[in-house]
Amino acid sequence: MSISVLGSGAFGTALAISLAGNGPVTLWARNAMKAQAMQDSRRNGTRLPGVELPKNLLITSNIGKACESGVLLLAVPMQTLRGALEQHKDHLTGKTLVACCKGIELDSGLGPVAVIQEVLPNVSAALLTGPSFAADIARGLPTALTLACNDPAQGKALQEQLTTANLRLYRTTDTIGAEIGGALKNVMAIACGAVIGAGLGDSARAALMTRGYAEMQRLALASGAKSETLAGLSGFGDLTLTCSSDLSRNYRLGLSIGREEDFDSTITVEGAATARAVAEQAQRMNLDMPVTLTVTNLLDQRLTISEAAAHLLKRPLKEE
């Protein structure tokens, strides 16, 4: 079955490059001028400078053409996913949709698979998530991801189809756990970036990662997910990568908060909206999630970084 990637950002382009190693792939760009420029130059210079696009990768702005494929990878930001699904509903009906975004929708509190199923209940939905930077995938560096699909047979078929020479996929039927792991690790990355930006040290970052992971587990288990999912690539693996590299946009936002510097508002940072959505969800579910709440307070400037650190350190002592 043919494959198209909808979304020509860095991650969508990187996935299309890797998948083109298996056969022809179509990459959809919303902007017609950008699509033509990429098709002519064989580059996505603004998002993946220095990377050449394979000859069997077709770039188009024609959504109908892109959706002729049976499997569609949705490489769009989490907060715009619902709008994209609704806008192109007629083209997406009857397809297998694989979300490639990480986060929790601010208005509904839903993850990407749940949003797809709500808007298009008759499609087959899956999630591709895990520790990955677009530049690594595009350069052919080895990367392992989680493919989450409620249907075991569909998940196995997608695993075989989407695995490439440098992209190794592990499958799970626990879509809830994979959604929560991929979403909350971005929140923890903001927190860790703030710690390092404020000069609080690597020991503090390690402690924050650990306690943040405990929050990820807490929300996942309360939502019906499996603990082992969070211990895998979509949880612990992604947390490790995102909280320790300034290639992560969420981590860089945290660095700017810790350093009290301005951050480029045009850069998509999924963890900001997710932090707010999860903080509200935790309150409704009566869950203790102090790191998430602290990140929300930092983002909304209700706390300074020094106040946030003092608040977390003064929490009541307890068993681990």
C-alpha atoms as a PDB file:
ATOM      1  CA  MET A   1       0.000   0.000   0.000  1.00  0.00           C
ATOM      2  CA  SER A   2       1.345   3.459  -0.921  1.00  0.00           C
ATOM      3  CA  ILE A   3       2.309   6.046   1.709  1.00  0.00           C
ATOM      4  CA  SER A   4       1.918   9.811   1.935  1.00  0.00           C
ATOM      5  CA  VAL A   5       3.124  12.198   4.616  1.00  0.00           C
ATOM      6  CA  LEU A   6       0.877  15.197   5.253  1.00  0.00           C
ATOM      7  CA  GLY A   7       2.964  18.043   6.627  1.00  0.00           C
ATOM      8  CA  SER A   8       6.301  19.255   5.258  1.00  0.00           C
ATOM      9  CA  GLY A   9       7.889  20.454   8.469  1.00  0.00           C
ATOM     10  CA  ALA A  10      11.195  19.011   9.617  1.00  0.00           C
ATOM     11  CA  PHE A  11       9.744  15.803  11.074  1.00  0.00           C
ATOM     12  CA  GLY A  12       7.334  15.125   8.215  1.00  0.00           C
ATOM     13  CA  THR A  13      10.060  15.673   5.647  1.00  0.00           C
ATOM     14  CA  ALA A  14      12.487  13.455   7.581  1.00  0.00           C
ATOM     15  CA  LEU A  15       9.952  10.623   7.749  1.00  0.00           C
ATOM     16  CA  ALA A  16       9.268  10.944   4.026  1.00  0.00           C
ATOM     17  CA  ILE A  17      12.999  10.768   3.266  1.00  0.00           C
ATOM     18  CA  SER A  18      13.428   7.624   5.345  1.00  0.00           C
ATOM     19  CA  LEU A  19      10.304   5.935   3.952  1.00  0.00           C
ATOM     20  CA  ALA A  20      11.415   6.698   0.401  1.00  0.00           C
ATOM     21  CA  GLY A  21      14.111   4.092   0.949  1.00  0.00           C
ATOM     22  CA  ASN A  22      11.311   1.500   0.726  1.00  0.00           C
ATOM     23  CA  GLY A  23       9.637   2.910  -2.380  1.00  0.00           C
ATOM     24  CA  PRO A  24       7.879   6.010  -3.776  1.00  0.00           C
ATOM     25  CA  VAL A  25       6.441   8.398  -1.183  1.00  0.00           C
ATOM     26  CA  THR A  26       4.341  11.565  -1.500  1.00  0.00           C
ATOM     27  CA  LEU A  27       4.936  14.552   0.783  1.00  0.00           C
ATOM     28  CA  TRP A  28       2.148  17.127   1.053  1.00  0.00           C
ATOM     29  CA  ALA A  29       2.979  20.773   1.724  1.00  0.00           C
ATOM     30  CA  ARG A  30       0.144  23.179   2.464  1.00  0.00           C
ATOM     31  CA  ASN A  31       1.845  26.075   0.659  1.00  0.00           C
ATOM     32  CA  ALA A  32       1.928  25.650  -3.141  1.00  0.00           C
ATOM     33  CA  MET A  33       5.015  27.821  -3.611  1.00  0.00           C
ATOM     34  CA  LYS A  34       6.925  25.908  -0.972  1.00  0.00           C
ATOM     35  CA  ALA A  35       5.908  22.586  -2.494  1.00  0.00           C
ATOM     36  CA  GLN A  36       7.108  23.651  -5.937  1.00  0.00           C
ATOM     37  CA  ALA A  37      10.362  25.027  -4.547  1.00  0.00           C
ATOM     38  CA  MET A  38      11.054  21.751  -2.738  1.00  0.00           C
ATOM     39  CA  GLN A  39      10.155  19.726  -5.823  1.00  0.00           C
ATOM     40  CA  ASP A  40      12.505  21.804  -8.004  1.00  0.00           C
ATOM     41  CA  SER A  41      15.452  22.192  -5.609  1.00  0.00           C
ATOM     42  CA  ARG A  42      15.177  18.752  -3.944  1.00  0.00           C
ATOM     43  CA  ARG A  43      15.719  20.500  -0.630  1.00  0.00           C
ATOM     44  CA  ASN A  44      13.701  21.678   2.376  1.00  0.00           C
ATOM     45  CA  GLY A  45      16.219  24.364   3.137  1.00  0.00           C
ATOM     46  CA  THR A  46      14.265  26.157   5.865  1.00  0.00           C
ATOM     47  CA  ARG A  47      13.564  23.029   7.944  1.00  0.00           C
ATOM     48  CA  LEU A  48      16.292  20.500   7.029  1.00  0.00           C
ATOM     49  CA  PRO A  49      19.226  22.427   5.571  1.00  0.00           C
ATOM     50  CA  GLY A  50      21.849  20.367   3.790  1.00  0.00           C
ATOM     51  CA  VAL A  51      19.656  17.296   3.289  1.00  0.00           C
ATOM     52  CA  GLU A  52      18.831  16.152  -0.250  1.00  0.00           C
ATOM     53  CA  LEU A  53      15.381  14.783  -1.033  1.00  0.00           C
ATOM     54  CA  PRO A  54      15.337  11.363  -2.754  1.00  0.00           C
ATOM     55  CA  LYS A  55      14.306  11.213  -6.411  1.00  0.00           C
ATOM     56  CA  ASN A  56      11.311   8.989  -5.614  1.00  0.00           C
ATOM     57  CA  LEU A  57       9.895  11.524  -3.132  1.00  0.00           C
ATOM     58  CA  LEU A  58       7.123  13.573  -4.771  1.00  0.00           C
ATOM     59  CA  ILE A  59       6.215  16.898  -3.165  1.00  0.00           C
ATOM     60  CA  THR A  60       2.759  18.309  -3.859  1.00  0.00           C
ATOM     61  CA  SER A  61       0.306  20.873  -2.493  1.00  0.00           C
ATOM     62  CA  ASN A  62      -2.636  18.954  -3.973  1.00  0.00           C
ATOM     63  CA  ILE A  63      -4.348  17.293  -1.007  1.00  0.00           C
ATOM     64  CA  GLY A  64      -6.376  15.031  -3.284  1.00  0.00           C
ATOM     65  CA  LYS A  65      -3.216  13.750  -4.944  1.00  0.00           C
ATOM     66  CA  ALA A  66      -1.529  13.157  -1.589  1.00  0.00           C
ATOM     67  CA  CYS A  67      -4.542  11.297  -0.214  1.00  0.00           C
ATOM     68  CA  GLU A  68      -4.568   8.782  -3.036  1.00  0.00           C
ATOM     69  CA  SER A  69      -2.281   6.702  -0.783  1.00  0.00           C
ATOM     70  CA  GLY A  70      -3.849   4.176   1.564  1.00  0.00           C
ATOM     71  CA  VAL A  71      -1.635   5.076   4.538  1.00  0.00           C
ATOM     72  CA  LEU A  72      -1.370   8.731   5.549  1.00  0.00           C
ATOM     73  CA  LEU A  73       1.114   9.973   8.145  1.00  0.00           C
ATOM     74  CA  LEU A  74      -0.171  13.160   9.786  1.00  0.00           C
ATOM     75  CA  ALA A  75       2.886  15.245  10.619  1.00  0.00           C
ATOM     76  CA  VAL A  76       1.035  18.334  11.830  1.00  0.00           C
ATOM     77  CA  PRO A  77       1.182  20.056  15.254  1.00  0.00           C
ATOM     78  CA  MET A  78      -1.093  18.585  17.918  1.00  0.00           C
ATOM     79  CA  GLN A  79      -3.115  21.747  18.409  1.00  0.00           C
ATOM     80  CA  THR A  80      -3.916  21.963  14.672  1.00  0.00           C
ATOM     81  CA  LEU A  81      -4.641  18.255  14.160  1.00  0.00           C
ATOM     82  CA  ARG A  82      -8.412  18.505  14.648  1.00  0.00           C
ATOM     83  CA  GLY A  83      -8.696  21.405  12.221  1.00  0.00           C
ATOM     84  CA  ALA A  84      -6.713  19.524   9.568  1.00  0.00           C
ATOM     85  CA  LEU A  85      -8.901  16.446  10.003  1.00  0.00           C
ATOM     86  CA  GLU A  86     -12.098  18.455   9.702  1.00  0.00           C
ATOM     87  CA  GLN A  87     -10.848  20.474   6.737  1.00  0.00           C
ATOM     88  CA  HIS A  88      -9.810  17.418   4.724  1.00  0.00           C
ATOM     89  CA  LYS A  89     -12.375  14.949   6.055  1.00  0.00           C
ATOM     90  CA  ASP A  90     -13.617  13.926   2.611  1.00  0.00           C
ATOM     91  CA  HIS A  91     -10.100  12.988   1.478  1.00  0.00           C
ATOM     92  CA  LEU A  92      -9.220  11.153   4.701  1.00  0.00           C
ATOM     93  CA  THR A  93     -12.286   8.937   4.998  1.00  0.00           C
ATOM     94  CA  GLY A  94     -11.495   5.256   4.571  1.00  0.00           C
ATOM     95  CA  LYS A  95      -7.737   5.732   5.010  1.00  0.00           C
ATOM     96  CA  THR A  96      -5.293   4.474   7.620  1.00  0.00           C
ATOM     97  CA  LEU A  97      -4.168   7.543   9.572  1.00  0.00           C
ATOM     98  CA  VAL A  98      -0.953   7.562  11.591  1.00  0.00           C
ATOM     99  CA  ALA A  99      -0.562  10.587  13.867  1.00  0.00           C
ATOM    100  CA  CYS A 100       3.040  11.793  14.155  1.00  0.00           C
ATOM    101  CA  CYS A 101       2.470  14.528  16.733  1.00  0.00           C
ATOM    102  CA  LYS A 102       2.877  14.532  20.496  1.00  0.00           C
ATOM    103  CA  GLY A 103       0.651  16.369  22.917  1.00  0.00           C
ATOM    104  CA  ILE A 104      -2.735  16.771  24.555  1.00  0.00           C
ATOM    105  CA  GLU A 105      -5.375  18.913  22.871  1.00  0.00           C
ATOM    106  CA  LEU A 106      -5.984  21.985  24.990  1.00  0.00           C
ATOM    107  CA  ASP A 107      -9.760  22.207  24.576  1.00  0.00           C
ATOM    108  CA  SER A 108     -10.676  18.517  24.837  1.00  0.00           C
ATOM    109  CA  GLY A 109      -7.853  16.937  26.864  1.00  0.00           C
ATOM    110  CA  LEU A 110      -7.530  14.227  24.187  1.00  0.00           C
ATOM    111  CA  GLY A 111      -4.414  12.741  22.610  1.00  0.00           C
ATOM    112  CA  PRO A 112      -3.878  12.429  18.837  1.00  0.00           C
ATOM    113  CA  VAL A 113      -5.396   8.948  18.354  1.00  0.00           C
ATOM    114  CA  ALA A 114      -8.465   9.938  20.376  1.00  0.00           C
ATOM    115  CA  VAL A 115      -8.875  13.135  18.330  1.00  0.00           C
ATOM    116  CA  ILE A 116      -8.705  11.165  15.062  1.00  0.00           C
ATOM    117  CA  GLN A 117     -11.274   8.667  16.339  1.00  0.00           C
ATOM    118  CA  GLU A 118     -13.600  11.459  17.469  1.00  0.00           C
ATOM    119  CA  VAL A 119     -13.498  13.356  14.165  1.00  0.00           C
ATOM    120  CA  LEU A 120     -13.325  10.309  11.864  1.00  0.00           C
ATOM    121  CA  PRO A 121     -14.711   7.328  13.787  1.00  0.00           C
ATOM    122  CA  ASN A 122     -14.613   5.002  10.789  1.00  0.00           C
ATOM    123  CA  VAL A 123     -10.910   5.300   9.946  1.00  0.00           C
ATOM    124  CA  SER A 124      -8.074   3.132  11.235  1.00  0.00           C
ATOM    125  CA  ALA A 125      -5.959   5.265  13.573  1.00  0.00           C
ATOM    126  CA  ALA A 126      -2.449   4.782  14.946  1.00  0.00           C
ATOM    127  CA  LEU A 127       0.336   6.802  16.560  1.00  0.00           C
ATOM    128  CA  LEU A 128       4.051   6.991  15.734  1.00  0.00           C
ATOM    129  CA  THR A 129       6.021   8.349  18.677  1.00  0.00           C
ATOM    130  CA  GLY A 130       9.258   7.986  20.593  1.00  0.00           C
ATOM    131  CA  PRO A 131      12.767   9.461  20.947  1.00  0.00           C
ATOM    132  CA  SER A 132      13.614  11.058  17.620  1.00  0.00           C
ATOM    133  CA  PHE A 133      15.022  14.229  16.142  1.00  0.00           C
ATOM    134  CA  ALA A 134      14.153  15.023  12.543  1.00  0.00           C
ATOM    135  CA  ALA A 135      17.757  15.725  11.585  1.00  0.00           C
ATOM    136  CA  ASP A 136      18.848  12.278  12.769  1.00  0.00           C
ATOM    137  CA  ILE A 137      16.137  10.481  10.787  1.00  0.00           C
ATOM    138  CA  ALA A 138      16.791  12.558   7.657  1.00  0.00           C
ATOM    139  CA  ARG A 139      20.531  11.806   7.808  1.00  0.00           C
ATOM    140  CA  GLY A 140      19.862   8.080   8.007  1.00  0.00           C
ATOM    141  CA  LEU A 141      20.965   7.696  11.629  1.00  0.00           C
ATOM    142  CA  PRO A 142      19.467   4.728  13.533  1.00  0.00           C
ATOM    143  CA  THR A 143      16.256   5.607  15.371  1.00  0.00           C
ATOM    144  CA  ALA A 144      13.746   3.444  17.255  1.00  0.00           C
ATOM    145  CA  LEU A 145      10.105   4.451  17.676  1.00  0.00           C
ATOM    146  CA  THR A 146       6.854   3.130  19.108  1.00  0.00           C
ATOM    147  CA  LEU A 147       3.927   2.389  16.810  1.00  0.00           C
ATOM    148  CA  ALA A 148       0.704   2.335  18.838  1.00  0.00           C
ATOM    149  CA  CYS A 149      -2.461   0.889  17.309  1.00  0.00           C
ATOM    150  CA  ASN A 150      -5.536  -0.539  19.027  1.00  0.00           C
ATOM    151  CA  ASP A 151      -5.923  -3.179  16.299  1.00  0.00           C
ATOM    152  CA  PRO A 152      -3.098  -5.754  16.670  1.00  0.00           C
ATOM    153  CA  ALA A 153      -3.307  -6.945  13.058  1.00  0.00           C
ATOM    154  CA  GLN A 154      -3.321  -3.401  11.692  1.00  0.00           C
ATOM    155  CA  GLY A 155      -0.446  -2.488  13.995  1.00  0.00           C
ATOM    156  CA  LYS A 156       1.658  -5.398  12.740  1.00  0.00           C
ATOM    157  CA  ALA A 157       0.964  -4.493   9.097  1.00  0.00           C
ATOM    158  CA  LEU A 158       1.941  -0.862   9.712  1.00  0.00           C
ATOM    159  CA  GLN A 159       5.052  -1.906  11.616  1.00  0.00           C
ATOM    160  CA  GLU A 160       6.256  -3.880   8.614  1.00  0.00           C
ATOM    161  CA  GLN A 161       5.352  -1.139   6.150  1.00  0.00           C
ATOM    162  CA  LEU A 162       6.855   1.802   8.059  1.00  0.00           C
ATOM    163  CA  THR A 163      10.090   0.178   9.218  1.00  0.00           C
ATOM    164  CA  THR A 164      13.040   1.361   7.121  1.00  0.00           C
ATOM    165  CA  ALA A 165      16.800   0.844   6.989  1.00  0.00           C
ATOM    166  CA  ASN A 166      17.331   3.366   9.791  1.00  0.00           C
ATOM    167  CA  LEU A 167      13.888   3.418  11.427  1.00  0.00           C
ATOM    168  CA  ARG A 168      13.068   0.485  13.716  1.00  0.00           C
ATOM    169  CA  LEU A 169       9.514   0.308  15.070  1.00  0.00           C
ATOM    170  CA  TYR A 170       8.225  -1.492  18.160  1.00  0.00           C
ATOM    171  CA  ARG A 171       4.461  -1.927  18.337  1.00  0.00           C
ATOM    172  CA  THR A 172       1.944  -1.722  21.154  1.00  0.00           C
ATOM    173  CA  THR A 173      -1.837  -1.705  21.445  1.00  0.00           C
ATOM    174  CA  ASP A 174      -1.664   0.750  24.362  1.00  0.00           C
ATOM    175  CA  THR A 175      -2.434   3.965  22.508  1.00  0.00           C
ATOM    176  CA  ILE A 176      -3.306   5.811  25.721  1.00  0.00           C
ATOM    177  CA  GLY A 177       0.081   5.092  27.288  1.00  0.00           C
ATOM    178  CA  ALA A 178       1.920   6.056  24.113  1.00  0.00           C
ATOM    179  CA  GLU A 179      -0.066   9.294  23.855  1.00  0.00           C
ATOM    180  CA  ILE A 180       0.617  10.276  27.469  1.00  0.00           C
ATOM    181  CA  GLY A 181       4.310   9.403  27.300  1.00  0.00           C
ATOM    182  CA  GLY A 182       4.869  11.433  24.144  1.00  0.00           C
ATOM    183  CA  ALA A 183       2.883  14.366  25.473  1.00  0.00           C
ATOM    184  CA  LEU A 184       4.169  14.669  29.022  1.00  0.00           C
ATOM    185  CA  LYS A 185       7.849  14.224  28.194  1.00  0.00           C
ATOM    186  CA  ASN A 186       7.604  17.640  26.481  1.00  0.00           C
ATOM    187  CA  VAL A 187       6.344  19.195  29.699  1.00  0.00           C
ATOM    188  CA  MET A 188       9.228  17.664  31.627  1.00  0.00           C
ATOM    189  CA  ALA A 189      11.672  18.903  28.988  1.00  0.00           C
ATOM    190  CA  ILE A 190      10.512  22.471  29.608  1.00  0.00           C
ATOM    191  CA  ALA A 191      11.087  21.943  33.334  1.00  0.00           C
ATOM    192  CA  CYS A 192      14.552  20.466  32.796  1.00  0.00           C
ATOM    193  CA  GLY A 193      15.527  23.248  30.428  1.00  0.00           C
ATOM    194  CA  ALA A 194      14.479  25.800  33.021  1.00  0.00           C
ATOM    195  CA  VAL A 195      16.614  24.067  35.652  1.00  0.00           C
ATOM    196  CA  ILE A 196      19.719  24.116  33.458  1.00  0.00           C
ATOM    197  CA  GLY A 197      19.008  27.635  32.187  1.00  0.00           C
ATOM    198  CA  ALA A 198      18.813  28.892  35.760  1.00  0.00           C
ATOM    199  CA  GLY A 199      22.124  27.209  36.626  1.00  0.00           C
ATOM    200  CA  LEU A 200      20.622  24.778  39.136  1.00  0.00           C
ATOM    201  CA  GLY A 201      22.802  21.919  37.914  1.00  0.00           C
ATOM    202  CA  ASP A 202      22.698  18.448  36.412  1.00  0.00           C
ATOM    203  CA  SER A 203      21.808  16.801  39.716  1.00  0.00           C
ATOM    204  CA  ALA A 204      18.652  18.896  39.914  1.00  0.00           C
ATOM    205  CA  ARG A 205      17.811  17.972  36.328  1.00  0.00           C
ATOM    206  CA  ALA A 206      18.190  14.265  37.105  1.00  0.00           C
ATOM    207  CA  ALA A 207      15.901  14.617  40.104  1.00  0.00           C
ATOM    208  CA  LEU A 208      13.333  16.513  38.051  1.00  0.00           C
ATOM    209  CA  MET A 209      13.396  13.915  35.260  1.00  0.00           C
ATOM    210  CA  THR A 210      12.822  11.172  37.811  1.00  0.00           C
ATOM    211  CA  ARG A 211       9.950  12.895  39.568  1.00  0.00           C
ATOM    212  CA  GLY A 212       8.540  13.936  36.206  1.00  0.00           C
ATOM    213  CA  TYR A 213       8.582  10.315  35.109  1.00  0.00           C
ATOM    214  CA  ALA A 214       6.628   9.447  38.258  1.00  0.00           C
ATOM    215  CA  GLU A 215       3.987  11.996  37.181  1.00  0.00           C
ATOM    216  CA  MET A 216       3.844  10.451  33.708  1.00  0.00           C
ATOM    217  CA  GLN A 217       3.216   7.041  35.287  1.00  0.00           C
ATOM    218  CA  ARG A 218       0.631   8.473  37.657  1.00  0.00           C
ATOM    219  CA  LEU A 219      -1.465  10.014  34.894  1.00  0.00           C
ATOM    220  CA  ALA A 220      -1.051   7.019  32.605  1.00  0.00           C
ATOM    221  CA  LEU A 221      -2.199   4.469  35.171  1.00  0.00           C
ATOM    222  CA  ALA A 222      -5.137   6.648  36.201  1.00  0.00           C
ATOM    223  CA  SER A 223      -6.132   6.872  32.523  1.00  0.00           C
ATOM    224  CA  GLY A 224      -6.090   3.113  31.988  1.00  0.00           C
ATOM    225  CA  ALA A 225      -2.665   2.775  30.346  1.00  0.00           C
ATOM    226  CA  LYS A 226      -0.060   0.108  31.036  1.00  0.00           C
ATOM    227  CA  SER A 227       2.947   0.881  33.206  1.00  0.00           C
ATOM    228  CA  GLU A 228       5.312  -0.934  30.841  1.00  0.00           C
ATOM    229  CA  THR A 229       4.376   1.390  27.972  1.00  0.00           C
ATOM    230  CA  LEU A 230       5.777   4.345  29.891  1.00  0.00           C
ATOM    231  CA  ALA A 231       8.949   2.364  30.570  1.00  0.00           C
ATOM    232  CA  GLY A 232       9.507   2.006  26.827  1.00  0.00           C
ATOM    233  CA  LEU A 233      10.484   4.243  23.943  1.00  0.00           C
ATOM    234  CA  SER A 234       7.336   6.379  24.011  1.00  0.00           C
ATOM    235  CA  GLY A 235       7.855   7.234  27.682  1.00  0.00           C
ATOM    236  CA  PHE A 236      11.254   6.809  29.313  1.00  0.00           C
ATOM    237  CA  GLY A 237      13.110   6.797  25.995  1.00  0.00           C
ATOM    238  CA  ASP A 238      11.602  10.035  24.743  1.00  0.00           C
ATOM    239  CA  LEU A 239      11.936  11.643  28.170  1.00  0.00           C
ATOM    240  CA  THR A 240      15.664  10.895  28.232  1.00  0.00           C
ATOM    241  CA  LEU A 241      16.286  12.408  24.804  1.00  0.00           C
ATOM    242  CA  THR A 242      14.115  15.486  25.143  1.00  0.00           C
ATOM    243  CA  CYS A 243      15.299  16.490  28.607  1.00  0.00           C
ATOM    244  CA  SER A 244      18.986  16.340  27.714  1.00  0.00           C
ATOM    245  CA  SER A 245      19.421  18.019  24.325  1.00  0.00           C
ATOM    246  CA  ASP A 246      19.031  21.578  23.119  1.00  0.00           C
ATOM    247  CA  LEU A 247      17.866  20.161  19.784  1.00  0.00           C
ATOM    248  CA  SER A 248      14.522  19.846  21.589  1.00  0.00           C
ATOM    249  CA  ARG A 249      12.321  22.915  21.142  1.00  0.00           C
ATOM    250  CA  ASN A 250      10.644  22.250  24.491  1.00  0.00           C
ATOM    251  CA  TYR A 251      13.998  22.053  26.249  1.00  0.00           C
ATOM    252  CA  ARG A 252      15.095  25.296  24.557  1.00  0.00           C
ATOM    253  CA  LEU A 253      11.919  27.031  25.744  1.00  0.00           C
ATOM    254  CA  GLY A 254      12.792  25.904  29.264  1.00  0.00           C
ATOM    255  CA  LEU A 255      16.337  27.229  28.868  1.00  0.00           C
ATOM    256  CA  SER A 256      14.946  30.636  27.909  1.00  0.00           C
ATOM    257  CA  ILE A 257      12.658  30.637  30.955  1.00  0.00           C
ATOM    258  CA  GLY A 258      15.537  29.735  33.262  1.00  0.00           C
ATOM    259  CA  ARG A 259      17.753  32.421  31.727  1.00  0.00           C
ATOM    260  CA  GLU A 260      14.892  34.942  31.700  1.00  0.00           C
ATOM    261  CA  GLU A 261      15.325  35.437  27.954  1.00  0.00           C
ATOM    262  CA  ASP A 262      12.733  35.923  25.218  1.00  0.00           C
ATOM    263  CA  PHE A 263      11.783  32.899  23.115  1.00  0.00           C
ATOM    264  CA  ASP A 264      10.809  32.943  19.436  1.00  0.00           C
ATOM    265  CA  SER A 265       7.004  32.783  19.493  1.00  0.00           C
ATOM    266  CA  THR A 266       6.867  31.418  15.928  1.00  0.00           C
ATOM    267  CA  ILE A 267       8.439  28.114  17.023  1.00  0.00           C
ATOM    268  CA  THR A 268       5.920  25.360  17.755  1.00  0.00           C
ATOM    269  CA  VAL A 269       6.406  24.066  21.310  1.00  0.00           C
ATOM    270  CA  GLU A 270       3.897  21.298  21.987  1.00  0.00           C
ATOM    271  CA  GLY A 271       4.685  21.087  25.699  1.00  0.00           C
ATOM    272  CA  ALA A 272       3.289  24.520  26.518  1.00  0.00           C
ATOM    273  CA  ALA A 273      -0.302  23.742  25.561  1.00  0.00           C
ATOM    274  CA  THR A 274       0.047  20.199  26.894  1.00  0.00           C
ATOM    275  CA  ALA A 275       1.142  21.463  30.316  1.00  0.00           C
ATOM    276  CA  ARG A 276      -1.983  23.592  30.607  1.00  0.00           C
ATOM    277  CA  ALA A 277      -4.252  20.795  29.367  1.00  0.00           C
ATOM    278  CA  VAL A 278      -2.740  18.209  31.719  1.00  0.00           C
ATOM    279  CA  ALA A 279      -2.805  20.557  34.714  1.00  0.00           C
ATOM    280  CA  GLU A 280      -6.575  20.948  34.238  1.00  0.00           C
ATOM    281  CA  GLN A 281      -6.976  17.212  33.724  1.00  0.00           C
ATOM    282  CA  ALA A 282      -4.997  16.408  36.866  1.00  0.00           C
ATOM    283  CA  GLN A 283      -7.199  18.719  38.878  1.00  0.00           C
ATOM    284  CA  ARG A 284     -10.354  17.005  37.582  1.00  0.00           C
ATOM    285  CA  MET A 285      -8.867  13.581  38.347  1.00  0.00           C
ATOM    286  CA  ASN A 286      -7.503  14.672  41.748  1.00  0.00           C
ATOM    287  CA  LEU A 287      -3.948  13.700  40.770  1.00  0.00           C
ATOM    288  CA  ASP A 288      -0.847  15.208  42.380  1.00  0.00           C
ATOM    289  CA  MET A 289       1.320  16.513  39.496  1.00  0.00           C
ATOM    290  CA  PRO A 290       3.535  19.258  40.964  1.00  0.00           C
ATOM    291  CA  VAL A 291       6.075  19.424  38.127  1.00  0.00           C
ATOM    292  CA  THR A 292       3.373  19.886  35.501  1.00  0.00           C
ATOM    293  CA  LEU A 293       1.626  22.516  37.600  1.00  0.00           C
ATOM    294  CA  THR A 294       4.920  24.341  38.180  1.00  0.00           C
ATOM    295  CA  VAL A 295       5.659  24.411  34.444  1.00  0.00           C
ATOM    296  CA  THR A 296       2.191  25.880  33.827  1.00  0.00           C
ATOM    297  CA  ASN A 297       2.830  28.565  36.443  1.00  0.00           C
ATOM    298  CA  LEU A 298       6.191  29.388  34.859  1.00  0.00           C
ATOM    299  CA  LEU A 299       4.664  29.636  31.396  1.00  0.00           C
ATOM    300  CA  ASP A 300       1.900  31.920  32.643  1.00  0.00           C
ATOM    301  CA  GLN A 301       4.426  33.942  34.693  1.00  0.00           C
ATOM    302  CA  ARG A 302       2.708  33.228  37.981  1.00  0.00           C
ATOM    303  CA  LEU A 303       6.064  32.068  39.377  1.00  0.00           C
ATOM    304  CA  THR A 304       9.674  33.027  38.789  1.00  0.00           C
ATOM    305  CA  ILE A 305      12.216  30.240  38.363  1.00  0.00           C
ATOM    306  CA  SER A 306      13.620  30.855  41.867  1.00  0.00           C
ATOM    307  CA  GLU A 307      10.122  30.752  43.374  1.00  0.00           C
ATOM    308  CA  ALA A 308       9.352  27.559  41.465  1.00  0.00           C
ATOM    309  CA  ALA A 309      12.501  25.843  42.728  1.00  0.00           C
ATOM    310  CA  ALA A 310      11.789  26.915  46.303  1.00  0.00           C
ATOM    311  CA  HIS A 311       8.195  25.695  46.052  1.00  0.00           C
ATOM    312  CA  LEU A 312       9.196  22.220  44.846  1.00  0.00           C
ATOM    313  CA  LEU A 313      11.944  21.873  47.468  1.00  0.00           C
ATOM    314  CA  LYS A 314       9.538  22.787  50.284  1.00  0.00           C
ATOM    315  CA  ARG A 315       6.999  20.115  49.414  1.00  0.00           C
ATOM    316  CA  PRO A 316       6.264  17.655  52.254  1.00  0.00           C
ATOM    317  CA  LEU A 317       8.793  14.847  52.651  1.00  0.00           C
ATOM    318  CA  LYS A 318       7.544  11.380  51.681  1.00  0.00           C
ATOM    319  CA  GLU A 319       8.577   7.908  50.589  1.00  0.00           C
ATOM    320  CA  GLU A 320       9.725   7.549  46.979  1.00  0.00           C
END
